[in-house]
């Protein structure tokens, strides 16, 4: 992500410098007089961004905060960044470069960009401001403050809610991966779930692994409710994890040219590496189910611990 952030800052630098020259707020222009500071605001990690934001208001504390915020909204103009413009670096370019295929908040909904035959972006996911751009206008174009997200998470659930680094996990810094684990609960036994009657069960997050900041995301984005609609998918993966034996796995590996990563993807429709979960929806849920309930032969072949 650091490389993406640096590239983002480099491409936006001339645009921000041009707007600073045009702003009526000379104090803001004077504060951002060096390229290094502008790029730092555009590329710094979340905690550093908060420190930088606090520092500028402390430095200019004798001036109206509202005046600085108004000028910042014009200089770090997100509305302009969101417009389609093939000649300039915009949100389209950022989303295309990041290449997220699923929402990083839920790993449930497909996002990604759509290209026409000429390779031009014609649609992209909305970008969520981790720190509200209304409350933090200076951070409106900061790379780590722009998260490609699905409409369900960004609009239906987050709305105007405030996120923080103490109460929420930032998907660029620490995604769910092994820190927050899916499990199945409230069922009679595995045979009942997989039997003809397809007995009931719930998809939950294992309390042993939950931390405060993960609970914040689970609650804010209604993840347990969202995943409550995915029980059929979970049942299918659970069945495969338990029943796939050597002969089936051998054929899958043959079709996958003996590539274990491809074989896993063909078998379960998911990615096995946490850093690639964002490529295919439900990869996190499927991986957790397989890790806990998969048969020993399967886990040995795919080196799942």
C-alpha atoms as a PDB file:
ATOM      1  CA  UNK A   1       0.000   0.000   0.000  1.00  0.00           C
ATOM      2  CA  UNK A   2       2.884   2.387   0.656  1.00  0.00           C
ATOM      3  CA  UNK A   3       3.858   2.300  -3.021  1.00  0.00           C
ATOM      4  CA  UNK A   4       0.273   3.047  -4.076  1.00  0.00           C
ATOM      5  CA  UNK A   5       0.125   5.891  -1.547  1.00  0.00           C
ATOM      6  CA  UNK A   6       3.361   7.448  -2.807  1.00  0.00           C
ATOM      7  CA  UNK A   7       2.165   7.222  -6.408  1.00  0.00           C
ATOM      8  CA  UNK A   8      -1.182   8.767  -5.436  1.00  0.00           C
ATOM      9  CA  UNK A   9       0.600  11.701  -3.781  1.00  0.00           C
ATOM     10  CA  UNK A  10       2.944  12.223  -6.714  1.00  0.00           C
ATOM     11  CA  UNK A  11       0.061  12.436  -9.192  1.00  0.00           C
ATOM     12  CA  UNK A  12      -2.049  14.777  -7.070  1.00  0.00           C
ATOM     13  CA  UNK A  13       0.827  17.088  -6.083  1.00  0.00           C
ATOM     14  CA  UNK A  14       0.658  19.440  -9.107  1.00  0.00           C
ATOM     15  CA  UNK A  15      -3.121  19.741  -8.783  1.00  0.00           C
ATOM     16  CA  UNK A  16      -2.928  20.663  -5.090  1.00  0.00           C
ATOM     17  CA  UNK A  17      -0.087  23.129  -5.690  1.00  0.00           C
ATOM     18  CA  UNK A  18      -2.133  24.855  -8.403  1.00  0.00           C
ATOM     19  CA  UNK A  19      -5.132  25.220  -6.083  1.00  0.00           C
ATOM     20  CA  UNK A  20      -2.976  26.525  -3.244  1.00  0.00           C
ATOM     21  CA  UNK A  21      -1.738  29.284  -5.528  1.00  0.00           C
ATOM     22  CA  UNK A  22      -5.340  30.218  -6.299  1.00  0.00           C
ATOM     23  CA  UNK A  23      -6.726  30.061  -2.745  1.00  0.00           C
ATOM     24  CA  UNK A  24      -7.703  33.232  -0.909  1.00  0.00           C
ATOM     25  CA  UNK A  25      -6.549  31.695   2.352  1.00  0.00           C
ATOM     26  CA  UNK A  26      -2.899  32.724   2.320  1.00  0.00           C
ATOM     27  CA  UNK A  27      -2.250  31.090   5.703  1.00  0.00           C
ATOM     28  CA  UNK A  28      -3.170  27.699   4.297  1.00  0.00           C
ATOM     29  CA  UNK A  29      -1.036  28.347   1.224  1.00  0.00           C
ATOM     30  CA  UNK A  30       1.892  29.382   3.384  1.00  0.00           C
ATOM     31  CA  UNK A  31       1.527  26.318   5.614  1.00  0.00           C
ATOM     32  CA  UNK A  32       1.687  23.990   2.604  1.00  0.00           C
ATOM     33  CA  UNK A  33       4.633  25.752   1.022  1.00  0.00           C
ATOM     34  CA  UNK A  34       6.733  22.602   0.563  1.00  0.00           C
ATOM     35  CA  UNK A  35       6.091  19.678  -1.767  1.00  0.00           C
ATOM     36  CA  UNK A  36       7.163  17.311   0.993  1.00  0.00           C
ATOM     37  CA  UNK A  37       4.391  18.397   3.358  1.00  0.00           C
ATOM     38  CA  UNK A  38       1.714  18.216   0.651  1.00  0.00           C
ATOM     39  CA  UNK A  39       2.801  14.717  -0.292  1.00  0.00           C
ATOM     40  CA  UNK A  40       2.870  13.706   3.358  1.00  0.00           C
ATOM     41  CA  UNK A  41      -0.764  14.771   3.767  1.00  0.00           C
ATOM     42  CA  UNK A  42      -1.665  12.769   0.670  1.00  0.00           C
ATOM     43  CA  UNK A  43       0.245   9.590   1.526  1.00  0.00           C
ATOM     44  CA  UNK A  44       0.628   9.301   5.308  1.00  0.00           C
ATOM     45  CA  UNK A  45      -0.808   6.334   7.211  1.00  0.00           C
ATOM     46  CA  UNK A  46      -4.042   6.872   9.210  1.00  0.00           C
ATOM     47  CA  UNK A  47      -2.550   7.616  12.618  1.00  0.00           C
ATOM     48  CA  UNK A  48       0.008   9.974  11.099  1.00  0.00           C
ATOM     49  CA  UNK A  49      -2.793  11.726   9.212  1.00  0.00           C
ATOM     50  CA  UNK A  50      -4.607  12.490  12.443  1.00  0.00           C
ATOM     51  CA  UNK A  51      -1.403  13.917  13.914  1.00  0.00           C
ATOM     52  CA  UNK A  52      -0.808  16.080  10.833  1.00  0.00           C
ATOM     53  CA  UNK A  53      -4.392  17.305  10.904  1.00  0.00           C
ATOM     54  CA  UNK A  54      -4.145  18.238  14.575  1.00  0.00           C
ATOM     55  CA  UNK A  55      -0.802  19.959  14.032  1.00  0.00           C
ATOM     56  CA  UNK A  56      -2.073  22.366  11.398  1.00  0.00           C
ATOM     57  CA  UNK A  57      -5.004  23.523  13.519  1.00  0.00           C
ATOM     58  CA  UNK A  58      -2.702  23.901  16.519  1.00  0.00           C
ATOM     59  CA  UNK A  59      -0.273  25.959  14.442  1.00  0.00           C
ATOM     60  CA  UNK A  60      -3.050  28.210  13.162  1.00  0.00           C
ATOM     61  CA  UNK A  61      -5.125  28.196  16.351  1.00  0.00           C
ATOM     62  CA  UNK A  62      -5.558  31.971  16.412  1.00  0.00           C
ATOM     63  CA  UNK A  63      -7.350  31.835  13.094  1.00  0.00           C
ATOM     64  CA  UNK A  64     -10.920  30.704  12.534  1.00  0.00           C
ATOM     65  CA  UNK A  65     -11.139  26.961  12.155  1.00  0.00           C
ATOM     66  CA  UNK A  66     -14.085  27.367   9.803  1.00  0.00           C
ATOM     67  CA  UNK A  67     -12.018  29.559   7.449  1.00  0.00           C
ATOM     68  CA  UNK A  68      -9.320  26.897   7.244  1.00  0.00           C
ATOM     69  CA  UNK A  69     -11.918  24.170   6.689  1.00  0.00           C
ATOM     70  CA  UNK A  70     -13.634  26.121   3.907  1.00  0.00           C
ATOM     71  CA  UNK A  71     -10.343  26.705   2.122  1.00  0.00           C
ATOM     72  CA  UNK A  72      -9.317  23.078   2.629  1.00  0.00           C
ATOM     73  CA  UNK A  73     -12.535  21.879   0.974  1.00  0.00           C
ATOM     74  CA  UNK A  74     -11.643  23.853  -2.125  1.00  0.00           C
ATOM     75  CA  UNK A  75      -7.977  22.827  -2.202  1.00  0.00           C
ATOM     76  CA  UNK A  76      -8.486  19.155  -1.310  1.00  0.00           C
ATOM     77  CA  UNK A  77     -11.613  18.976  -3.439  1.00  0.00           C
ATOM     78  CA  UNK A  78     -13.033  15.463  -3.348  1.00  0.00           C
ATOM     79  CA  UNK A  79     -16.005  16.262  -5.605  1.00  0.00           C
ATOM     80  CA  UNK A  80     -13.616  17.218  -8.386  1.00  0.00           C
ATOM     81  CA  UNK A  81     -11.505  14.105  -7.732  1.00  0.00           C
ATOM     82  CA  UNK A  82     -14.605  11.964  -8.158  1.00  0.00           C
ATOM     83  CA  UNK A  83     -15.425  13.321 -11.609  1.00  0.00           C
ATOM     84  CA  UNK A  84     -14.458  11.379 -14.709  1.00  0.00           C
ATOM     85  CA  UNK A  85     -11.549  13.012 -16.546  1.00  0.00           C
ATOM     86  CA  UNK A  86      -9.289  10.921 -18.763  1.00  0.00           C
ATOM     87  CA  UNK A  87      -6.650  13.652 -18.910  1.00  0.00           C
ATOM     88  CA  UNK A  88      -6.125  13.873 -15.147  1.00  0.00           C
ATOM     89  CA  UNK A  89      -5.576  11.565 -12.196  1.00  0.00           C
ATOM     90  CA  UNK A  90      -8.947  10.861 -10.630  1.00  0.00           C
ATOM     91  CA  UNK A  91     -10.819   8.362  -8.448  1.00  0.00           C
ATOM     92  CA  UNK A  92     -11.222   6.141 -11.521  1.00  0.00           C
ATOM     93  CA  UNK A  93      -7.454   5.765 -11.763  1.00  0.00           C
ATOM     94  CA  UNK A  94      -7.069   5.064  -8.071  1.00  0.00           C
ATOM     95  CA  UNK A  95      -9.717   2.323  -8.080  1.00  0.00           C
ATOM     96  CA  UNK A  96      -8.267   0.765 -11.228  1.00  0.00           C
ATOM     97  CA  UNK A  97      -4.790   0.661  -9.684  1.00  0.00           C
ATOM     98  CA  UNK A  98      -5.946  -0.794  -6.360  1.00  0.00           C
ATOM     99  CA  UNK A  99      -7.966  -3.440  -8.212  1.00  0.00           C
ATOM    100  CA  UNK A 100     -10.179  -4.466  -5.290  1.00  0.00           C
ATOM    101  CA  UNK A 101     -12.667  -7.053  -6.532  1.00  0.00           C
ATOM    102  CA  UNK A 102     -14.718  -7.178  -3.325  1.00  0.00           C
ATOM    103  CA  UNK A 103     -15.591  -4.682  -0.631  1.00  0.00           C
ATOM    104  CA  UNK A 104     -12.765  -4.636   1.968  1.00  0.00           C
ATOM    105  CA  UNK A 105     -15.255  -3.925   4.752  1.00  0.00           C
ATOM    106  CA  UNK A 106     -17.387  -7.040   4.186  1.00  0.00           C
ATOM    107  CA  UNK A 107     -15.661  -9.327   1.619  1.00  0.00           C
ATOM    108  CA  UNK A 108     -19.200 -10.104   0.542  1.00  0.00           C
ATOM    109  CA  UNK A 109     -20.100  -7.783  -2.310  1.00  0.00           C
ATOM    110  CA  UNK A 110     -18.291  -7.493  -5.632  1.00  0.00           C
ATOM    111  CA  UNK A 111     -16.957  -4.053  -6.469  1.00  0.00           C
ATOM    112  CA  UNK A 112     -14.131  -3.305  -8.908  1.00  0.00           C
ATOM    113  CA  UNK A 113     -14.048  -1.129 -12.007  1.00  0.00           C
ATOM    114  CA  UNK A 114     -15.680  -1.714 -15.364  1.00  0.00           C
ATOM    115  CA  UNK A 115     -13.643  -0.952 -18.476  1.00  0.00           C
ATOM    116  CA  UNK A 116     -14.896  -0.403 -22.000  1.00  0.00           C
ATOM    117  CA  UNK A 117     -13.225  -1.976 -25.040  1.00  0.00           C
ATOM    118  CA  UNK A 118     -10.695   0.849 -25.111  1.00  0.00           C
ATOM    119  CA  UNK A 119      -9.655   0.113 -21.532  1.00  0.00           C
ATOM    120  CA  UNK A 120     -11.278   3.263 -20.155  1.00  0.00           C
ATOM    121  CA  UNK A 121     -13.039   3.139 -16.772  1.00  0.00           C
ATOM    122  CA  UNK A 122     -16.802   3.572 -17.202  1.00  0.00           C
ATOM    123  CA  UNK A 123     -17.824   2.662 -13.647  1.00  0.00           C
ATOM    124  CA  UNK A 124     -16.122   2.283 -10.280  1.00  0.00           C
ATOM    125  CA  UNK A 125     -17.067   1.610  -6.662  1.00  0.00           C
ATOM    126  CA  UNK A 126     -17.779   4.544  -4.352  1.00  0.00           C
ATOM    127  CA  UNK A 127     -14.888   5.699  -2.192  1.00  0.00           C
ATOM    128  CA  UNK A 128     -15.554   5.826   1.522  1.00  0.00           C
ATOM    129  CA  UNK A 129     -13.816   8.399   3.700  1.00  0.00           C
ATOM    130  CA  UNK A 130     -12.580   6.443   6.727  1.00  0.00           C
ATOM    131  CA  UNK A 131     -12.305   9.802   8.502  1.00  0.00           C
ATOM    132  CA  UNK A 132     -15.275  11.954   7.512  1.00  0.00           C
ATOM    133  CA  UNK A 133     -14.350  14.499   4.840  1.00  0.00           C
ATOM    134  CA  UNK A 134     -16.822  16.910   6.444  1.00  0.00           C
ATOM    135  CA  UNK A 135     -14.997  16.726   9.766  1.00  0.00           C
ATOM    136  CA  UNK A 136     -11.511  16.320   8.264  1.00  0.00           C
ATOM    137  CA  UNK A 137     -11.521  18.316   4.995  1.00  0.00           C
ATOM    138  CA  UNK A 138      -7.718  18.411   4.895  1.00  0.00           C
ATOM    139  CA  UNK A 139      -7.744  14.612   4.583  1.00  0.00           C
ATOM    140  CA  UNK A 140     -10.382  14.414   1.850  1.00  0.00           C
ATOM    141  CA  UNK A 141      -7.854  13.307  -0.786  1.00  0.00           C
ATOM    142  CA  UNK A 142      -5.444  11.388   1.439  1.00  0.00           C
ATOM    143  CA  UNK A 143      -4.807   7.918   0.074  1.00  0.00           C
ATOM    144  CA  UNK A 144      -5.371   6.105   3.373  1.00  0.00           C
ATOM    145  CA  UNK A 145      -8.641   7.970   3.841  1.00  0.00           C
ATOM    146  CA  UNK A 146     -10.137   6.703   0.567  1.00  0.00           C
ATOM    147  CA  UNK A 147     -11.508   3.156   0.728  1.00  0.00           C
ATOM    148  CA  UNK A 148     -13.243   1.522  -2.265  1.00  0.00           C
ATOM    149  CA  UNK A 149     -16.399   0.049  -0.744  1.00  0.00           C
ATOM    150  CA  UNK A 150     -19.753  -1.406  -1.690  1.00  0.00           C
ATOM    151  CA  UNK A 151     -22.906   0.687  -1.558  1.00  0.00           C
ATOM    152  CA  UNK A 152     -24.345  -1.535   1.178  1.00  0.00           C
ATOM    153  CA  UNK A 153     -21.486  -0.838   3.593  1.00  0.00           C
ATOM    154  CA  UNK A 154     -20.752   2.736   2.540  1.00  0.00           C
ATOM    155  CA  UNK A 155     -24.265   4.106   2.107  1.00  0.00           C
ATOM    156  CA  UNK A 156     -26.766   1.794   3.758  1.00  0.00           C
ATOM    157  CA  UNK A 157     -24.865   1.104   6.967  1.00  0.00           C
ATOM    158  CA  UNK A 158     -22.096   3.626   7.544  1.00  0.00           C
ATOM    159  CA  UNK A 159     -24.009   6.724   6.456  1.00  0.00           C
ATOM    160  CA  UNK A 160     -22.569   9.566   8.565  1.00  0.00           C
ATOM    161  CA  UNK A 161     -21.162   7.359  11.335  1.00  0.00           C
ATOM    162  CA  UNK A 162     -17.796   8.322  12.779  1.00  0.00           C
ATOM    163  CA  UNK A 163     -15.002   5.773  12.556  1.00  0.00           C
ATOM    164  CA  UNK A 164     -11.836   5.805  14.639  1.00  0.00           C
ATOM    165  CA  UNK A 165      -8.634   3.790  14.828  1.00  0.00           C
ATOM    166  CA  UNK A 166      -9.448   2.673  18.368  1.00  0.00           C
ATOM    167  CA  UNK A 167     -12.957   1.418  17.587  1.00  0.00           C
ATOM    168  CA  UNK A 168     -12.594   0.265  13.980  1.00  0.00           C
ATOM    169  CA  UNK A 169     -10.129  -1.678  11.880  1.00  0.00           C
ATOM    170  CA  UNK A 170      -8.708   0.065   8.813  1.00  0.00           C
ATOM    171  CA  UNK A 171      -8.736  -2.314   5.807  1.00  0.00           C
ATOM    172  CA  UNK A 172      -5.419  -1.035   4.418  1.00  0.00           C
ATOM    173  CA  UNK A 173      -3.658  -1.554   7.746  1.00  0.00           C
ATOM    174  CA  UNK A 174      -5.155  -4.644   9.352  1.00  0.00           C
ATOM    175  CA  UNK A 175      -7.950  -6.492   7.632  1.00  0.00           C
ATOM    176  CA  UNK A 176      -9.852  -9.286   9.346  1.00  0.00           C
ATOM    177  CA  UNK A 177      -7.525 -12.071   8.157  1.00  0.00           C
ATOM    178  CA  UNK A 178      -6.708 -14.267  11.184  1.00  0.00           C
ATOM    179  CA  UNK A 179      -7.640 -11.712  13.831  1.00  0.00           C
ATOM    180  CA  UNK A 180     -11.397 -12.185  13.472  1.00  0.00           C
ATOM    181  CA  UNK A 181     -12.699 -15.658  12.662  1.00  0.00           C
ATOM    182  CA  UNK A 182     -15.989 -16.926  11.256  1.00  0.00           C
ATOM    183  CA  UNK A 183     -17.593 -19.957  12.852  1.00  0.00           C
ATOM    184  CA  UNK A 184     -20.900 -21.816  12.806  1.00  0.00           C
ATOM    185  CA  UNK A 185     -23.042 -22.003  15.937  1.00  0.00           C
ATOM    186  CA  UNK A 186     -26.424 -23.015  17.313  1.00  0.00           C
ATOM    187  CA  UNK A 187     -26.654 -26.332  15.488  1.00  0.00           C
ATOM    188  CA  UNK A 188     -27.435 -29.900  16.555  1.00  0.00           C
ATOM    189  CA  UNK A 189     -24.425 -31.508  14.849  1.00  0.00           C
ATOM    190  CA  UNK A 190     -22.566 -31.339  11.526  1.00  0.00           C
ATOM    191  CA  UNK A 191     -24.524 -34.263  10.090  1.00  0.00           C
ATOM    192  CA  UNK A 192     -27.755 -32.406  10.796  1.00  0.00           C
ATOM    193  CA  UNK A 193     -26.527 -29.327   8.899  1.00  0.00           C
ATOM    194  CA  UNK A 194     -25.503 -31.406   5.890  1.00  0.00           C
ATOM    195  CA  UNK A 195     -28.375 -33.930   5.994  1.00  0.00           C
ATOM    196  CA  UNK A 196     -31.500 -34.031   3.876  1.00  0.00           C
ATOM    197  CA  UNK A 197     -33.347 -31.724   6.249  1.00  0.00           C
ATOM    198  CA  UNK A 198     -30.462 -29.207   6.190  1.00  0.00           C
ATOM    199  CA  UNK A 199     -30.749 -28.335   9.844  1.00  0.00           C
ATOM    200  CA  UNK A 200     -30.496 -24.734  11.062  1.00  0.00           C
ATOM    201  CA  UNK A 201     -27.297 -23.008  12.178  1.00  0.00           C
ATOM    202  CA  UNK A 202     -25.937 -19.486  12.554  1.00  0.00           C
ATOM    203  CA  UNK A 203     -22.845 -17.846  11.077  1.00  0.00           C
ATOM    204  CA  UNK A 204     -21.057 -15.914  13.808  1.00  0.00           C
ATOM    205  CA  UNK A 205     -17.677 -14.433  14.686  1.00  0.00           C
ATOM    206  CA  UNK A 206     -15.700 -16.438  17.232  1.00  0.00           C
ATOM    207  CA  UNK A 207     -15.597 -14.430  20.472  1.00  0.00           C
ATOM    208  CA  UNK A 208     -12.093 -15.704  21.258  1.00  0.00           C
ATOM    209  CA  UNK A 209     -10.680 -13.739  18.350  1.00  0.00           C
ATOM    210  CA  UNK A 210     -12.738 -10.565  18.475  1.00  0.00           C
ATOM    211  CA  UNK A 211     -11.066  -7.361  19.551  1.00  0.00           C
ATOM    212  CA  UNK A 212     -12.675  -4.001  20.219  1.00  0.00           C
ATOM    213  CA  UNK A 213     -11.851  -2.506  16.823  1.00  0.00           C
ATOM    214  CA  UNK A 214     -13.163  -5.576  14.991  1.00  0.00           C
ATOM    215  CA  UNK A 215     -16.381  -5.456  16.986  1.00  0.00           C
ATOM    216  CA  UNK A 216     -16.719  -1.872  15.804  1.00  0.00           C
ATOM    217  CA  UNK A 217     -16.692  -2.938  12.152  1.00  0.00           C
ATOM    218  CA  UNK A 218     -18.908  -5.967  12.797  1.00  0.00           C
ATOM    219  CA  UNK A 219     -21.491  -3.722  14.437  1.00  0.00           C
ATOM    220  CA  UNK A 220     -21.236  -0.752  12.069  1.00  0.00           C
ATOM    221  CA  UNK A 221     -21.475  -2.782   8.871  1.00  0.00           C
ATOM    222  CA  UNK A 222     -23.991  -5.281  10.311  1.00  0.00           C
ATOM    223  CA  UNK A 223     -21.710  -8.121   9.246  1.00  0.00           C
ATOM    224  CA  UNK A 224     -23.431 -10.882  11.167  1.00  0.00           C
ATOM    225  CA  UNK A 225     -26.736  -9.825   9.620  1.00  0.00           C
ATOM    226  CA  UNK A 226     -25.196  -9.561   6.168  1.00  0.00           C
ATOM    227  CA  UNK A 227     -23.621 -13.002   6.457  1.00  0.00           C
ATOM    228  CA  UNK A 228     -26.880 -14.404   7.748  1.00  0.00           C
ATOM    229  CA  UNK A 229     -27.949 -14.454   4.102  1.00  0.00           C
ATOM    230  CA  UNK A 230     -24.980 -16.657   3.143  1.00  0.00           C
ATOM    231  CA  UNK A 231     -25.878 -19.869   4.969  1.00  0.00           C
ATOM    232  CA  UNK A 232     -26.414 -21.814   1.754  1.00  0.00           C
ATOM    233  CA  UNK A 233     -22.904 -20.878   0.617  1.00  0.00           C
ATOM    234  CA  UNK A 234     -21.464 -21.820   3.996  1.00  0.00           C
ATOM    235  CA  UNK A 235     -23.267 -25.170   3.894  1.00  0.00           C
ATOM    236  CA  UNK A 236     -21.796 -25.975   0.463  1.00  0.00           C
ATOM    237  CA  UNK A 237     -18.240 -25.138   1.577  1.00  0.00           C
ATOM    238  CA  UNK A 238     -18.683 -27.102   4.801  1.00  0.00           C
ATOM    239  CA  UNK A 239     -19.838 -30.128   2.816  1.00  0.00           C
ATOM    240  CA  UNK A 240     -16.829 -29.930   0.485  1.00  0.00           C
ATOM    241  CA  UNK A 241     -14.389 -29.384   3.365  1.00  0.00           C
ATOM    242  CA  UNK A 242     -15.560 -32.548   5.067  1.00  0.00           C
ATOM    243  CA  UNK A 243     -16.241 -34.803   2.075  1.00  0.00           C
ATOM    244  CA  UNK A 244     -13.508 -34.037  -0.473  1.00  0.00           C
ATOM    245  CA  UNK A 245     -11.180 -37.023  -0.382  1.00  0.00           C
ATOM    246  CA  UNK A 246      -7.936 -37.947  -2.171  1.00  0.00           C
ATOM    247  CA  UNK A 247      -9.545 -38.988  -5.476  1.00  0.00           C
ATOM    248  CA  UNK A 248     -11.513 -35.744  -5.876  1.00  0.00           C
ATOM    249  CA  UNK A 249      -8.535 -33.618  -4.838  1.00  0.00           C
ATOM    250  CA  UNK A 250      -6.262 -35.502  -7.228  1.00  0.00           C
ATOM    251  CA  UNK A 251      -8.548 -34.653 -10.160  1.00  0.00           C
ATOM    252  CA  UNK A 252      -8.787 -31.019  -9.083  1.00  0.00           C
ATOM    253  CA  UNK A 253      -5.001 -30.745  -8.900  1.00  0.00           C
ATOM    254  CA  UNK A 254      -4.723 -32.297 -12.348  1.00  0.00           C
ATOM    255  CA  UNK A 255      -7.114 -29.707 -13.783  1.00  0.00           C
ATOM    256  CA  UNK A 256      -5.144 -26.982 -11.981  1.00  0.00           C
ATOM    257  CA  UNK A 257      -1.779 -28.128 -13.397  1.00  0.00           C
ATOM    258  CA  UNK A 258      -0.622 -29.102  -9.893  1.00  0.00           C
ATOM    259  CA  UNK A 259      -0.838 -25.501  -8.679  1.00  0.00           C
ATOM    260  CA  UNK A 260      -2.179 -25.625  -5.085  1.00  0.00           C
ATOM    261  CA  UNK A 261      -3.435 -22.030  -5.116  1.00  0.00           C
ATOM    262  CA  UNK A 262      -5.380 -22.621  -8.326  1.00  0.00           C
ATOM    263  CA  UNK A 263      -6.582 -26.007  -7.086  1.00  0.00           C
ATOM    264  CA  UNK A 264      -8.001 -24.424  -3.916  1.00  0.00           C
ATOM    265  CA  UNK A 265      -9.718 -21.748  -5.999  1.00  0.00           C
ATOM    266  CA  UNK A 266     -11.228 -24.353  -8.334  1.00  0.00           C
ATOM    267  CA  UNK A 267     -12.366 -26.508  -5.420  1.00  0.00           C
ATOM    268  CA  UNK A 268     -13.902 -23.828  -3.229  1.00  0.00           C
ATOM    269  CA  UNK A 269     -14.327 -20.747  -5.407  1.00  0.00           C
ATOM    270  CA  UNK A 270     -12.140 -18.800  -2.963  1.00  0.00           C
ATOM    271  CA  UNK A 271      -8.639 -17.540  -2.364  1.00  0.00           C
ATOM    272  CA  UNK A 272      -6.564 -19.270   0.287  1.00  0.00           C
ATOM    273  CA  UNK A 273      -4.052 -16.460   0.963  1.00  0.00           C
ATOM    274  CA  UNK A 274      -5.355 -13.730   3.317  1.00  0.00           C
ATOM    275  CA  UNK A 275      -3.666 -11.046   1.210  1.00  0.00           C
ATOM    276  CA  UNK A 276      -5.816 -12.170  -1.733  1.00  0.00           C
ATOM    277  CA  UNK A 277      -9.180 -12.488   0.031  1.00  0.00           C
ATOM    278  CA  UNK A 278     -10.310  -9.240  -1.597  1.00  0.00           C
ATOM    279  CA  UNK A 279     -10.164 -10.849  -5.047  1.00  0.00           C
ATOM    280  CA  UNK A 280     -13.145 -13.183  -4.534  1.00  0.00           C
ATOM    281  CA  UNK A 281     -16.267 -12.682  -2.354  1.00  0.00           C
ATOM    282  CA  UNK A 282     -16.653 -14.917   0.717  1.00  0.00           C
ATOM    283  CA  UNK A 283     -12.986 -15.981   0.679  1.00  0.00           C
ATOM    284  CA  UNK A 284     -12.569 -15.074   4.351  1.00  0.00           C
ATOM    285  CA  UNK A 285     -15.650 -17.005   5.491  1.00  0.00           C
ATOM    286  CA  UNK A 286     -14.814 -20.032   3.360  1.00  0.00           C
ATOM    287  CA  UNK A 287     -11.206 -20.104   4.544  1.00  0.00           C
ATOM    288  CA  UNK A 288     -12.241 -20.056   8.213  1.00  0.00           C
ATOM    289  CA  UNK A 289     -14.783 -22.856   7.753  1.00  0.00           C
ATOM    290  CA  UNK A 290     -12.261 -25.015   5.898  1.00  0.00           C
ATOM    291  CA  UNK A 291      -9.547 -24.338   8.474  1.00  0.00           C
ATOM    292  CA  UNK A 292     -11.740 -25.533  11.354  1.00  0.00           C
ATOM    293  CA  UNK A 293     -13.891 -28.253   9.791  1.00  0.00           C
ATOM    294  CA  UNK A 294     -11.896 -29.514   6.803  1.00  0.00           C
ATOM    295  CA  UNK A 295     -10.739 -33.123   6.825  1.00  0.00           C
ATOM    296  CA  UNK A 296      -7.086 -33.772   7.673  1.00  0.00           C
ATOM    297  CA  UNK A 297      -6.132 -34.943   4.186  1.00  0.00           C
ATOM    298  CA  UNK A 298      -7.481 -31.776   2.623  1.00  0.00           C
ATOM    299  CA  UNK A 299      -5.743 -29.516   5.146  1.00  0.00           C
ATOM    300  CA  UNK A 300      -2.469 -31.356   4.686  1.00  0.00           C
ATOM    301  CA  UNK A 301      -2.575 -31.018   0.905  1.00  0.00           C
ATOM    302  CA  UNK A 302      -3.331 -27.304   1.019  1.00  0.00           C
ATOM    303  CA  UNK A 303      -1.036 -26.738   4.046  1.00  0.00           C
ATOM    304  CA  UNK A 304      -3.845 -25.306   6.122  1.00  0.00           C
ATOM    305  CA  UNK A 305      -3.061 -25.039   9.831  1.00  0.00           C
END
